[in-house]
Amino acid sequence: MAHELGFRTAACLLWPAPIASAQDFPPPWVLGEPVSGAGISRWSAEYLGRGKYRLDFGLRLSRESALPFLWSSEYRPGVILGTGWNLSPQQLHLTGEVSRLTGMRGGIVVPIHVANGAFGYVGFPSTEPLTGLLQLWEDCEDHLLGITHRFLDAMAGHLDECSMRRLLLSQHETECLNLLAEGRTLAQAARALGVSPSTVRFHLYSAQEKLGTDSRSHAIARAATAGLLGQLH
């Protein structure tokens, strides 16, 4: 679909809400059109496997706005068109890495917000220069919004309670719940993970909030019912 409009591909990235902090983001769900290329495959693996999604400016902007925006490696470094958003040095490095590995020179991002609190965006990366990208947006806006809705329809069938619970819990939170479910004390869980007891306590409290419970035992029971225990990201 997107390829026929002049884009290299299209991908929908979806996160649940609420999310406690940038460092606690779980990996997104990703649904994309097929695309070939060693650079793109490598980038996809690093984005998810090495946690680079935590620096994704598309995620940050999509949480704050429903308006589509454009990015281009040719535009003023670190500034996203039409938003006034300035990238951090790490985010700026990330966009450069994307360009080097994939050959993408820019893209159009359409934020999405789902009634159950999930949010994310559909990205349309392109090898076009800035002038070509602006023309694509002018010519294809309605088509891109239509593709976005089709992605949402495809995602909707997977947003059952169990899947959303799994998305909501970070790996750290799941690890802590698993250890307590095995009968370990808070101190023993901290030693097993190589962190302080206060860190374990923080992750457990965050898990309780996300699971809608008022105690650790209730959180463990609800996580077990949802099929989350023993399953790490």
Protein backbone atom coordinates (compact mmCIF):
# COMPACT_ATOMS: atom_id res chain seq x y z
CA MET A 1 0.00 0.00 0.00
CA ALA A 2 2.54 2.59 1.13
CA HIS A 3 5.04 1.43 -1.48
CA GLU A 4 2.57 2.25 -4.24
CA LEU A 5 2.36 5.83 -2.93
CA GLY A 6 6.13 6.35 -3.07
CA PHE A 7 7.17 5.30 0.44
CA ARG A 8 9.62 2.51 1.19
CA THR A 9 7.26 0.81 3.64
CA ALA A 10 4.84 1.51 6.48
CA ALA A 11 4.84 0.26 10.05
CA CYS A 12 2.49 0.60 13.00
CA LEU A 13 4.09 0.80 16.45
CA LEU A 14 1.74 0.52 19.39
CA TRP A 15 2.34 1.05 23.12
CA PRO A 16 -0.14 0.73 25.97
CA ALA A 17 -0.74 3.45 28.53
CA PRO A 18 0.02 4.34 31.22
CA ILE A 19 3.80 3.99 31.12
CA ALA A 20 5.70 5.03 34.21
CA SER A 21 8.90 6.41 32.68
CA ALA A 22 10.94 6.44 29.49
CA GLN A 23 13.33 3.84 30.86
CA ASP A 24 10.43 1.54 31.69
CA PHE A 25 8.85 1.46 28.23
CA PRO A 26 8.03 -2.07 27.15
CA PRO A 27 8.87 -2.93 23.54
CA PRO A 28 6.10 -1.86 21.17
CA TRP A 29 3.91 -4.11 19.14
CA VAL A 30 5.04 -3.76 15.55
CA LEU A 31 2.99 -4.50 12.46
CA GLY A 32 4.52 -3.55 9.14
CA GLU A 33 4.38 -4.03 5.43
CA PRO A 34 7.03 -6.40 4.07
CA VAL A 35 10.32 -4.73 3.17
CA SER A 36 13.67 -6.17 2.17
CA GLY A 37 17.19 -4.98 2.87
CA ALA A 38 19.94 -6.01 5.27
CA GLY A 39 20.17 -2.51 6.72
CA ILE A 40 16.48 -2.38 7.54
CA SER A 41 16.56 -5.86 9.09
CA ARG A 42 19.55 -4.89 11.22
CA TRP A 43 17.91 -1.67 12.33
CA SER A 44 14.68 -3.46 13.27
CA ALA A 45 16.63 -5.92 15.41
CA GLU A 46 18.53 -3.15 17.19
CA TYR A 47 15.42 -1.02 17.68
CA LEU A 48 13.65 -3.78 19.58
CA GLY A 49 16.47 -5.96 20.88
CA ARG A 50 18.72 -3.19 22.18
CA GLY A 51 16.00 -0.92 23.51
CA LYS A 52 16.49 1.92 21.05
CA TYR A 53 12.73 2.40 20.95
CA ARG A 54 13.17 4.27 24.25
CA LEU A 55 14.74 7.15 22.29
CA ASP A 56 12.07 7.17 19.59
CA PHE A 57 10.93 10.78 19.13
CA GLY A 58 7.86 9.46 17.31
CA LEU A 59 6.76 7.85 20.55
CA ARG A 60 7.23 11.04 22.57
CA LEU A 61 5.44 13.26 20.08
CA SER A 62 2.62 10.77 19.56
CA ARG A 63 1.87 10.78 23.27
CA GLU A 64 1.41 14.55 23.20
CA SER A 65 -0.30 15.22 19.89
CA ALA A 66 -2.67 13.68 17.38
CA LEU A 67 -1.32 15.80 14.51
CA PRO A 68 0.86 14.15 11.83
CA PHE A 69 4.41 15.45 11.49
CA LEU A 70 7.40 15.11 9.18
CA TRP A 71 11.07 14.50 9.82
CA SER A 72 13.94 14.87 7.39
CA SER A 73 17.70 14.50 7.67
CA GLU A 74 17.95 17.61 5.45
CA TYR A 75 16.01 19.86 7.80
CA ARG A 76 17.60 21.86 10.61
CA PRO A 77 19.40 19.25 12.75
CA GLY A 78 17.34 18.18 15.71
CA VAL A 79 14.11 19.98 14.76
CA ILE A 80 10.93 18.15 13.74
CA LEU A 81 8.94 20.00 11.09
CA GLY A 82 5.87 21.84 12.30
CA THR A 83 6.24 20.91 15.97
CA GLY A 84 8.98 23.04 17.49
CA TRP A 85 10.29 19.79 18.98
CA ASN A 86 14.05 19.70 19.49
CA LEU A 87 15.73 16.31 19.60
CA SER A 88 18.15 15.39 22.34
CA PRO A 89 21.72 14.56 21.24
CA GLN A 90 20.91 10.85 21.67
CA GLN A 91 17.78 11.13 19.52
CA LEU A 92 19.68 13.10 16.89
CA HIS A 93 22.32 10.36 16.80
CA LEU A 94 19.53 7.81 16.43
CA THR A 95 18.06 9.51 13.35
CA GLY A 96 21.52 9.61 11.80
CA GLU A 97 21.92 5.91 12.48
CA VAL A 98 18.58 5.19 10.82
CA SER A 99 19.65 7.10 7.72
CA ARG A 100 23.02 5.35 7.51
CA LEU A 101 21.67 1.84 7.98
CA THR A 102 18.47 2.04 5.94
CA GLY A 103 19.01 4.83 3.43
CA MET A 104 15.86 6.59 4.68
CA ARG A 105 16.15 10.37 4.42
CA GLY A 106 12.94 11.23 6.23
CA GLY A 107 9.38 10.21 6.81
CA ILE A 108 5.84 11.06 7.78
CA VAL A 109 4.49 10.03 11.17
CA VAL A 110 0.77 9.74 11.94
CA PRO A 111 0.03 9.46 15.70
CA ILE A 112 -2.68 7.06 16.85
CA HIS A 113 -4.68 6.97 20.07
CA VAL A 114 -6.95 4.04 20.90
CA ALA A 115 -9.97 4.21 23.22
CA ASN A 116 -8.48 1.64 25.63
CA GLY A 117 -5.49 3.91 26.27
CA ALA A 118 -3.06 2.38 23.80
CA PHE A 119 -1.12 4.86 21.70
CA GLY A 120 1.59 4.90 19.09
CA TYR A 121 2.03 5.87 15.48
CA VAL A 122 2.19 4.70 11.91
CA GLY A 123 5.45 5.67 10.25
CA PHE A 124 5.97 6.10 6.53
CA PRO A 125 9.75 6.26 5.92
CA SER A 126 11.04 7.56 2.62
CA THR A 127 14.23 7.95 0.62
CA GLU A 128 12.89 11.20 -0.84
CA PRO A 129 14.59 14.55 -0.17
CA LEU A 130 12.68 17.11 1.88
CA THR A 131 10.96 18.71 -1.12
CA GLY A 132 9.78 15.31 -2.34
CA LEU A 133 8.57 14.36 1.12
CA LEU A 134 6.50 17.53 1.42
CA GLN A 135 4.97 16.84 -1.98
CA LEU A 136 4.14 13.27 -0.96
CA TRP A 137 2.29 14.54 2.09
CA GLU A 138 0.33 17.04 0.01
CA ASP A 139 -0.59 14.40 -2.56
CA CYS A 140 -1.19 11.41 -0.27
CA GLU A 141 -2.55 12.72 3.05
CA ASP A 142 -5.95 11.02 2.72
CA HIS A 143 -4.35 7.74 1.59
CA LEU A 144 -1.93 7.74 4.53
CA LEU A 145 -4.74 8.30 7.01
CA GLY A 146 -6.63 5.44 5.36
CA ILE A 147 -3.61 3.12 5.75
CA THR A 148 -3.37 4.18 9.40
CA HIS A 149 -6.97 3.15 10.02
CA ARG A 150 -6.36 -0.21 8.35
CA PHE A 151 -3.40 -0.82 10.65
CA LEU A 152 -5.59 0.01 13.65
CA ASP A 153 -8.25 -2.42 12.48
CA ALA A 154 -5.58 -5.13 12.16
CA MET A 155 -4.24 -4.38 15.65
CA ALA A 156 -7.66 -4.25 17.29
CA GLY A 157 -8.18 -7.99 17.03
CA HIS A 158 -5.11 -8.58 19.20
CA LEU A 159 -5.90 -6.10 21.97
CA ASP A 160 -7.52 -8.58 24.34
CA GLU A 161 -7.01 -8.27 28.09
CA CYS A 162 -4.20 -10.81 28.30
CA SER A 163 -2.21 -9.16 25.52
CA MET A 164 -2.71 -5.69 26.94
CA ARG A 165 -1.58 -6.85 30.38
CA ARG A 166 1.55 -8.32 28.82
CA LEU A 167 2.24 -5.05 27.03
CA LEU A 168 1.62 -3.00 30.14
CA LEU A 169 4.15 -4.83 32.29
CA SER A 170 7.81 -4.09 31.70
CA GLN A 171 10.39 -6.87 31.82
CA HIS A 172 11.61 -5.67 35.23
CA GLU A 173 8.09 -5.75 36.63
CA THR A 174 7.47 -9.23 35.22
CA GLU A 175 10.76 -10.52 36.66
CA CYS A 176 9.89 -9.21 40.13
CA LEU A 177 6.42 -10.76 40.04
CA ASN A 178 7.87 -14.07 38.87
CA LEU A 179 10.36 -14.20 41.74
CA LEU A 180 7.76 -13.43 44.38
CA ALA A 181 5.41 -15.98 42.83
CA GLU A 182 8.19 -18.55 43.31
CA GLY A 183 8.10 -17.79 47.03
CA ARG A 184 11.12 -15.51 47.31
CA THR A 185 11.17 -12.61 49.70
CA LEU A 186 11.70 -9.06 48.54
CA ALA A 187 15.34 -9.20 49.71
CA GLN A 188 15.94 -12.51 47.92
CA ALA A 189 14.41 -11.14 44.72
CA ALA A 190 16.70 -8.11 44.94
CA ARG A 191 19.78 -10.33 45.29
CA ALA A 192 18.69 -12.50 42.37
CA LEU A 193 18.30 -9.45 40.13
CA GLY A 194 21.38 -7.64 41.41
CA VAL A 195 19.42 -4.56 42.48
CA SER A 196 18.40 -2.95 45.75
CA PRO A 197 15.23 -3.96 47.63
CA SER A 198 13.86 -0.46 47.05
CA THR A 199 14.18 -0.99 43.28
CA VAL A 200 12.24 -4.26 43.51
CA ARG A 201 9.65 -2.51 45.66
CA PHE A 202 9.31 0.22 43.01
CA HIS A 203 8.76 -2.29 40.19
CA LEU A 204 6.22 -4.23 42.24
CA TYR A 205 4.31 -1.07 43.08
CA SER A 206 4.30 -0.09 39.40
CA ALA A 207 3.01 -3.56 38.47
CA GLN A 208 0.23 -3.26 41.07
CA GLU A 209 -0.82 0.08 39.61
CA LYS A 210 -0.91 -1.27 36.07
CA LEU A 211 -2.77 -4.43 37.05
CA GLY A 212 -5.28 -2.48 39.13
CA THR A 213 -4.55 -4.22 42.43
CA ASP A 214 -3.85 -3.01 45.97
CA SER A 215 -1.46 -5.74 47.13
CA ARG A 216 1.44 -7.81 45.84
CA SER A 217 -0.41 -11.08 46.33
CA HIS A 218 -3.37 -9.76 44.35
CA ALA A 219 -1.03 -8.55 41.59
CA ILE A 220 0.60 -12.00 41.39
CA ALA A 221 -2.82 -13.67 41.23
CA ARG A 222 -4.05 -11.35 38.49
CA ALA A 223 -0.82 -11.74 36.50
CA ALA A 224 -1.10 -15.52 36.80
CA THR A 225 -4.72 -15.45 35.64
CA ALA A 226 -3.71 -13.35 32.62
CA GLY A 227 -0.97 -15.86 31.76
CA LEU A 228 1.91 -13.46 32.41
CA LEU A 229 3.99 -15.32 34.97
CA GLY A 230 6.92 -17.25 33.57
CA GLN A 231 6.76 -15.20 30.34
CA LEU A 232 9.42 -12.54 29.92
CA HIS A 233 9.68 -10.11 27.02
